[in-house]
Amino acid sequence: MRGATRAKFAAGAVAIALAATACSSSGSSSSSSGSGNGSGIVTAWWADPQNPLEPANTNEVNGGAVLNMIMRGLMRYDPKTSKAENDLAESITSTDQQNWTVKIKPGTKFSDGTPVTAKS
């Protein structure tokens, strides 16, 4: 009976592996962070975020990973040096560390082509 149980387990593992490969797309890469194929569709493999995808309410890894793939911020971190760099911001200044002046890089647009302005 011990051999039959192992054979059932092995057959089940093979079936799961085949089902998983049948569900994958042959046109995209299999990275854990996501991929794009030029069609405007981004596919990501990650765990569920703890909160809705609101930048001000996402303080955990899973939600942060999704937001990093779909949004740009004022600043970003260089992955090699971990140094903070301006991304969408041209400059960020403050005289009292409570009130901030943020200048956005010229020509910055939303995904629909609308210019980013102070009002928006």
Protein backbone atom coordinates (compact mmCIF):
# COMPACT_ATOMS: atom_id res chain seq x y z
CA MET A 1 0.00 0.00 0.00
CA ARG A 2 2.89 2.37 0.70
CA GLY A 3 3.98 2.27 -2.96
CA ALA A 4 0.43 2.96 -4.17
CA THR A 5 0.20 6.05 -1.95
CA ARG A 6 3.50 7.38 -3.29
CA ALA A 7 2.38 6.74 -6.88
CA LYS A 8 -0.86 8.65 -6.26
CA PHE A 9 1.12 11.54 -4.75
CA ALA A 10 3.53 11.61 -7.70
CA ALA A 11 0.66 11.47 -10.21
CA GLY A 12 -1.08 14.32 -8.38
CA ALA A 13 2.10 16.44 -8.42
CA VAL A 14 2.54 15.86 -12.15
CA ALA A 15 -1.10 16.77 -12.80
CA ILE A 16 -0.72 20.03 -10.85
CA ALA A 17 2.47 20.90 -12.73
CA LEU A 18 0.83 20.23 -16.10
CA ALA A 19 -2.22 22.28 -15.14
CA ALA A 20 -0.02 25.18 -14.03
CA THR A 21 1.93 25.21 -17.31
CA ALA A 22 -1.28 24.99 -19.31
CA CYS A 23 -2.54 28.15 -17.60
CA SER A 24 0.58 30.17 -18.32
CA SER A 25 1.01 32.38 -21.36
CA SER A 26 3.77 31.51 -23.79
CA GLY A 27 4.21 35.13 -24.86
CA SER A 28 5.26 36.57 -21.51
CA SER A 29 8.06 35.99 -19.08
CA SER A 30 7.60 34.11 -15.83
CA SER A 31 8.93 36.61 -13.33
CA SER A 32 7.42 37.12 -9.92
CA SER A 33 7.21 40.87 -10.37
CA GLY A 34 5.33 41.00 -13.66
CA SER A 35 5.74 41.47 -17.36
CA GLY A 36 4.40 43.44 -20.25
CA ASN A 37 4.04 42.44 -23.86
CA GLY A 38 3.63 45.83 -25.51
CA SER A 39 -0.17 45.57 -25.70
CA GLY A 40 -0.75 47.90 -22.74
CA ILE A 41 -1.60 44.98 -20.46
CA VAL A 42 0.59 44.33 -17.42
CA THR A 43 0.48 40.90 -15.82
CA ALA A 44 1.72 40.48 -12.27
CA TRP A 45 2.10 37.49 -10.00
CA TRP A 46 2.04 38.54 -6.39
CA ALA A 47 0.08 38.02 -3.18
CA ASP A 48 -3.06 39.97 -2.27
CA PRO A 49 -2.54 43.47 -0.87
CA GLN A 50 -3.79 43.99 2.70
CA ASN A 51 -5.60 47.22 1.77
CA PRO A 52 -7.10 48.76 -1.38
CA LEU A 53 -4.45 50.14 -3.73
CA GLU A 54 -4.28 53.65 -2.32
CA PRO A 55 -0.72 55.00 -2.15
CA ALA A 56 -1.33 56.70 1.21
CA ASN A 57 -2.78 53.50 2.73
CA THR A 58 -0.35 50.90 1.38
CA ASN A 59 2.42 50.15 3.83
CA GLU A 60 3.13 46.49 3.10
CA VAL A 61 5.17 44.67 0.47
CA ASN A 62 2.42 43.15 -1.67
CA GLY A 63 0.44 46.35 -2.21
CA GLY A 64 3.64 48.34 -2.61
CA ALA A 65 4.88 45.99 -5.34
CA VAL A 66 1.66 46.42 -7.33
CA LEU A 67 1.70 50.21 -6.91
CA ASN A 68 5.34 50.35 -8.02
CA MET A 69 4.36 48.59 -11.25
CA ILE A 70 1.41 50.85 -12.09
CA MET A 71 2.35 54.26 -10.64
CA ARG A 72 5.32 56.60 -10.58
CA GLY A 73 6.21 58.71 -7.59
CA LEU A 74 7.85 62.05 -6.98
CA MET A 75 10.98 60.21 -5.83
CA ARG A 76 12.42 56.75 -6.44
CA TYR A 77 15.24 54.68 -5.05
CA ASP A 78 18.18 53.64 -7.21
CA PRO A 79 18.18 49.82 -6.96
CA LYS A 80 22.00 49.65 -7.04
CA THR A 81 22.88 52.38 -4.53
CA SER A 82 19.57 52.72 -2.58
CA LYS A 83 19.98 56.48 -2.99
CA ALA A 84 16.80 58.55 -3.29
CA GLU A 85 16.49 60.34 -6.64
CA ASN A 86 13.89 62.62 -8.21
CA ASP A 87 11.52 60.74 -10.49
CA LEU A 88 8.57 62.96 -11.46
CA ALA A 89 9.75 65.82 -9.25
CA GLU A 90 12.17 68.36 -10.64
CA SER A 91 12.75 69.67 -7.11
CA ILE A 92 11.29 69.31 -3.62
CA THR A 93 12.11 72.08 -1.14
CA SER A 94 11.04 73.20 2.31
CA THR A 95 12.09 75.98 4.67
CA ASP A 96 10.40 74.51 7.77
CA GLN A 97 10.02 70.75 7.07
CA GLN A 98 6.23 71.17 7.28
CA ASN A 99 5.33 73.06 4.10
CA TRP A 100 6.76 71.80 0.84
CA THR A 101 7.18 73.18 -2.66
CA VAL A 102 7.23 70.47 -5.31
CA LYS A 103 8.09 71.30 -8.91
CA ILE A 104 7.14 68.63 -11.44
CA LYS A 105 9.42 67.95 -14.40
CA PRO A 106 8.20 69.77 -17.53
CA GLY A 107 6.29 67.67 -20.03
CA THR A 108 5.01 65.17 -17.45
CA LYS A 109 1.68 63.68 -18.54
CA PHE A 110 -0.90 61.27 -17.21
CA SER A 111 -1.36 57.94 -19.00
CA ASP A 112 -4.20 59.48 -21.07
CA GLY A 113 -1.90 62.25 -22.34
CA THR A 114 -3.33 65.01 -20.11
CA PRO A 115 -0.58 67.30 -18.74
CA VAL A 116 0.16 67.14 -15.02
CA THR A 117 -0.53 70.55 -13.49
CA ALA A 118 -0.61 71.98 -9.95
CA LYS A 119 -4.40 71.77 -10.00
CA SER A 120 -4.48 68.14 -11.12
